[in-house]
Amino acid sequence: MKSGFEVRNIDARVTKDFGREWSQYDQSGLPEKELRDLFNAYFSIFPWSRLPKNAKGFDLGCGSGRWARMVSPRVGELHCIEPSEEAMQVAKRNLVGCDNCRFHENSVDEIPLGDASMDFGYSLGVLHHVPDTRRGIESCVRKLKHGAPLLLYLYYSFDNRPFWFKPIWTASDIVRRALSATPYPVKLLASRLIATFVYFPFARAS
């Protein structure tokens, strides 16, 4: 028997940790070329030509606002939606001058936009972090006009990767899950050590 009560589709601890992360690494110093290259990689399949003039859309889980900064000049109005108060403050700082951005401190199940009102939407690296990913996607789709594009980036099953990739990722995921249960200062120190001694050397070698 249904009680009529629906559990909020948000992981409070993950939201808090990401807010702290964006406060520590607000990406304000990210080189313009690097940001543009990242943007082009993620948005290369986005159908910009299909958007109407002065299109209205949303960035679900806007974080530091890095994608919104690149999208806002191309559209009429962009709604930046983020559940973390800390991350939202970072986004507002990074998007100073982007007068067509609107800011909403809400979770995916509380999107403060009318159903079937948006011309586009995107959510990159966000919805695999909520308890019910499918429900999160459905919440986004409800806000879109019929046929409007929704760009998503989610973790996937590595079908196009070599055989050794998944075991390495699985090992890294075990470490990630263990670290996620530790106090924030421990997570911060560990992330800096991993970035310095793992990610950075691999990036230089690639």
Protein backbone atom coordinates (compact mmCIF):
# COMPACT_ATOMS: atom_id res chain seq x y z
CA MET A 1 0.00 0.00 0.00
CA LYS A 2 1.46 3.35 -0.98
CA SER A 3 1.69 6.01 1.66
CA GLY A 4 1.88 8.87 -0.80
CA PHE A 5 5.28 9.86 0.57
CA GLU A 6 8.19 9.80 -1.89
CA VAL A 7 11.76 9.74 -0.61
CA ARG A 8 13.83 12.66 -1.88
CA ASN A 9 16.11 11.67 -4.73
CA ILE A 10 19.30 13.10 -3.28
CA ASP A 11 22.35 11.81 -1.41
CA ALA A 12 23.01 14.47 1.21
CA ARG A 13 26.56 13.33 1.93
CA VAL A 14 27.56 13.34 -1.74
CA THR A 15 26.01 16.78 -2.17
CA LYS A 16 27.92 18.12 0.83
CA ASP A 17 31.22 16.64 -0.35
CA PHE A 18 30.86 18.05 -3.87
CA GLY A 19 30.01 21.45 -2.43
CA ARG A 20 33.23 21.39 -0.44
CA GLU A 21 35.16 20.16 -3.47
CA TRP A 22 33.93 23.00 -5.69
CA SER A 23 34.79 25.47 -2.91
CA GLN A 24 38.34 24.10 -2.79
CA TYR A 25 38.72 23.80 -6.58
CA ASP A 26 36.43 26.45 -8.06
CA GLN A 27 38.03 26.18 -11.53
CA SER A 28 38.21 29.94 -11.86
CA GLY A 29 41.84 29.57 -12.89
CA LEU A 30 41.22 26.89 -15.52
CA PRO A 31 42.90 27.97 -18.80
CA GLU A 32 40.37 29.08 -21.40
CA LYS A 33 41.71 26.65 -24.01
CA GLU A 34 41.46 23.70 -21.64
CA LEU A 35 37.89 24.62 -20.71
CA ARG A 36 36.93 25.05 -24.36
CA ASP A 37 38.50 21.71 -25.31
CA LEU A 38 36.58 19.95 -22.52
CA PHE A 39 33.37 21.68 -23.55
CA ASN A 40 33.80 20.70 -27.19
CA ALA A 41 34.45 17.08 -26.19
CA TYR A 42 31.26 16.83 -24.14
CA PHE A 43 29.01 18.93 -26.38
CA SER A 44 30.24 17.73 -29.78
CA ILE A 45 27.01 15.74 -30.29
CA PHE A 46 24.67 18.45 -29.00
CA PRO A 47 22.25 19.65 -31.73
CA TRP A 48 22.75 23.40 -31.39
CA SER A 49 21.20 24.02 -34.81
CA ARG A 50 17.89 22.55 -33.62
CA LEU A 51 17.43 25.05 -30.82
CA PRO A 52 14.99 27.92 -31.37
CA LYS A 53 16.15 31.51 -31.20
CA ASN A 54 16.59 32.66 -27.57
CA ALA A 55 16.22 29.08 -26.36
CA LYS A 56 15.54 28.45 -22.68
CA GLY A 57 17.16 25.48 -20.97
CA PHE A 58 18.68 24.08 -17.80
CA ASP A 59 21.99 22.85 -16.41
CA LEU A 60 21.11 20.17 -13.84
CA GLY A 61 23.87 19.91 -11.24
CA CYS A 62 25.75 22.98 -12.46
CA GLY A 63 28.55 22.65 -9.89
CA SER A 64 31.12 25.39 -10.42
CA GLY A 65 29.27 26.71 -13.48
CA ARG A 66 32.00 25.72 -15.94
CA TRP A 67 29.57 24.38 -18.56
CA ALA A 68 27.07 27.19 -18.01
CA ARG A 69 29.81 29.69 -18.75
CA MET A 70 30.21 28.19 -22.22
CA VAL A 71 26.51 27.58 -22.89
CA SER A 72 25.00 30.89 -21.74
CA PRO A 73 26.32 33.00 -24.68
CA ARG A 74 24.63 30.59 -27.10
CA VAL A 75 21.11 30.69 -25.62
CA GLY A 76 18.44 33.09 -24.40
CA GLU A 77 18.10 31.88 -20.82
CA LEU A 78 19.90 29.22 -18.79
CA HIS A 79 18.63 27.86 -15.47
CA CYS A 80 21.51 26.66 -13.29
CA ILE A 81 20.20 24.07 -10.82
CA GLU A 82 22.39 22.83 -7.97
CA PRO A 83 21.45 21.30 -4.57
CA SER A 84 24.65 22.37 -2.78
CA GLU A 85 24.68 25.86 -1.29
CA GLU A 86 28.50 25.96 -1.38
CA ALA A 87 28.65 24.94 -5.04
CA MET A 88 25.94 27.44 -5.92
CA GLN A 89 27.98 30.28 -4.42
CA VAL A 90 30.96 29.20 -6.56
CA ALA A 91 28.78 29.09 -9.68
CA LYS A 92 27.42 32.57 -9.01
CA ARG A 93 30.97 33.94 -8.69
CA ASN A 94 32.17 32.19 -11.83
CA LEU A 95 29.15 33.35 -13.82
CA VAL A 96 29.28 37.03 -12.96
CA GLY A 97 28.39 38.87 -16.15
CA CYS A 98 26.27 36.01 -17.50
CA ASP A 99 23.06 37.98 -17.11
CA ASN A 100 20.87 35.34 -18.74
CA CYS A 101 21.67 32.76 -16.05
CA ARG A 102 19.09 32.02 -13.36
CA PHE A 103 20.13 30.19 -10.19
CA HIS A 104 18.09 27.60 -8.30
CA GLU A 105 19.29 25.76 -5.20
CA ASN A 106 17.25 22.61 -5.74
CA SER A 107 17.66 18.85 -6.17
CA VAL A 108 16.66 16.89 -9.27
CA ASP A 109 13.23 16.03 -7.85
CA GLU A 110 12.55 19.70 -7.06
CA ILE A 111 13.34 21.35 -10.40
CA PRO A 112 11.50 24.70 -10.15
CA LEU A 113 10.51 24.89 -13.81
CA GLY A 114 7.22 24.26 -15.54
CA ASP A 115 6.66 20.88 -17.17
CA ALA A 116 7.23 20.89 -20.94
CA SER A 117 8.66 24.42 -20.74
CA MET A 118 12.33 24.02 -21.70
CA ASP A 119 13.94 23.95 -25.15
CA PHE A 120 16.94 21.91 -23.98
CA GLY A 121 18.69 20.54 -20.94
CA TYR A 122 21.94 18.90 -19.93
CA SER A 123 23.37 17.13 -16.91
CA LEU A 124 26.97 15.99 -17.05
CA GLY A 125 28.44 13.61 -14.48
CA VAL A 126 25.59 14.12 -12.01
CA LEU A 127 22.71 11.67 -12.18
CA HIS A 128 24.72 8.52 -11.40
CA HIS A 129 25.27 10.09 -7.95
CA VAL A 130 21.57 10.24 -6.99
CA PRO A 131 19.84 7.24 -5.35
CA ASP A 132 17.46 6.65 -8.28
CA THR A 133 19.12 7.58 -11.58
CA ARG A 134 16.14 6.62 -13.73
CA ARG A 135 13.79 8.75 -11.66
CA GLY A 136 16.26 11.63 -11.96
CA ILE A 137 16.28 11.36 -15.75
CA GLU A 138 12.48 11.26 -15.80
CA SER A 139 12.39 14.45 -13.70
CA CYS A 140 14.57 16.19 -16.30
CA VAL A 141 12.55 14.92 -19.26
CA ARG A 142 9.30 16.22 -17.76
CA LYS A 143 10.64 19.77 -17.99
CA LEU A 144 11.41 19.51 -21.72
CA LYS A 145 9.18 20.42 -24.61
CA HIS A 146 8.33 17.55 -26.96
CA GLY A 147 11.42 16.63 -28.97
CA ALA A 148 13.76 18.94 -27.03
CA PRO A 149 17.31 17.57 -26.62
CA LEU A 150 18.70 16.38 -23.28
CA LEU A 151 22.46 15.81 -23.06
CA LEU A 152 23.52 13.36 -20.33
CA TYR A 153 26.83 11.98 -19.17
CA LEU A 154 26.62 8.89 -16.93
CA TYR A 155 28.97 6.10 -15.93
CA TYR A 156 28.69 3.22 -18.38
CA SER A 157 29.63 -0.50 -18.68
CA PHE A 158 32.90 -0.06 -20.67
CA ASP A 159 31.68 -2.05 -23.69
CA ASN A 160 34.17 -0.27 -25.96
CA ARG A 161 37.16 -0.60 -23.61
CA PRO A 162 39.94 -3.26 -23.60
CA PHE A 163 39.55 -6.29 -21.29
CA TRP A 164 41.90 -4.90 -18.62
CA PHE A 165 40.05 -1.59 -18.23
CA LYS A 166 37.11 -2.83 -16.15
CA PRO A 167 39.23 -4.61 -13.46
CA ILE A 168 41.33 -1.47 -13.03
CA TRP A 169 38.22 0.68 -12.79
CA THR A 170 36.67 -1.76 -10.30
CA ALA A 171 39.76 -1.53 -8.09
CA SER A 172 39.67 2.27 -8.26
CA ASP A 173 35.96 2.23 -7.43
CA ILE A 174 36.62 0.16 -4.30
CA VAL A 175 39.16 2.77 -3.20
CA ARG A 176 36.73 5.56 -4.05
CA ARG A 177 33.93 3.98 -2.02
CA ALA A 178 36.23 3.43 0.95
CA LEU A 179 37.41 7.04 0.82
CA SER A 180 33.85 8.35 0.51
CA ALA A 181 33.12 7.01 4.00
CA THR A 182 36.04 8.89 5.58
CA PRO A 183 35.96 12.41 7.08
CA TYR A 184 36.28 15.24 4.56
CA PRO A 185 39.89 16.23 5.50
CA VAL A 186 40.99 12.64 4.79
CA LYS A 187 39.19 12.68 1.43
CA LEU A 188 40.79 16.00 0.54
CA LEU A 189 44.31 14.81 1.38
CA ALA A 190 43.80 11.51 -0.47
CA SER A 191 42.44 13.25 -3.58
CA ARG A 192 45.46 15.57 -3.68
CA LEU A 193 47.89 12.66 -3.32
CA ILE A 194 46.13 10.67 -6.05
CA ALA A 195 46.07 13.69 -8.35
CA THR A 196 49.79 14.32 -7.77
CA PHE A 197 51.12 10.76 -7.97
CA VAL A 198 48.60 9.02 -10.26
CA TYR A 199 46.53 11.31 -12.50
CA PHE A 200 49.17 13.95 -13.21
CA PRO A 201 51.94 11.47 -14.24
CA PHE A 202 49.50 9.59 -16.50
CA ALA A 203 48.30 12.85 -18.06
CA ARG A 204 51.88 13.91 -18.80
CA ALA A 205 52.65 10.52 -20.33
CA SER A 206 49.55 10.44 -22.55
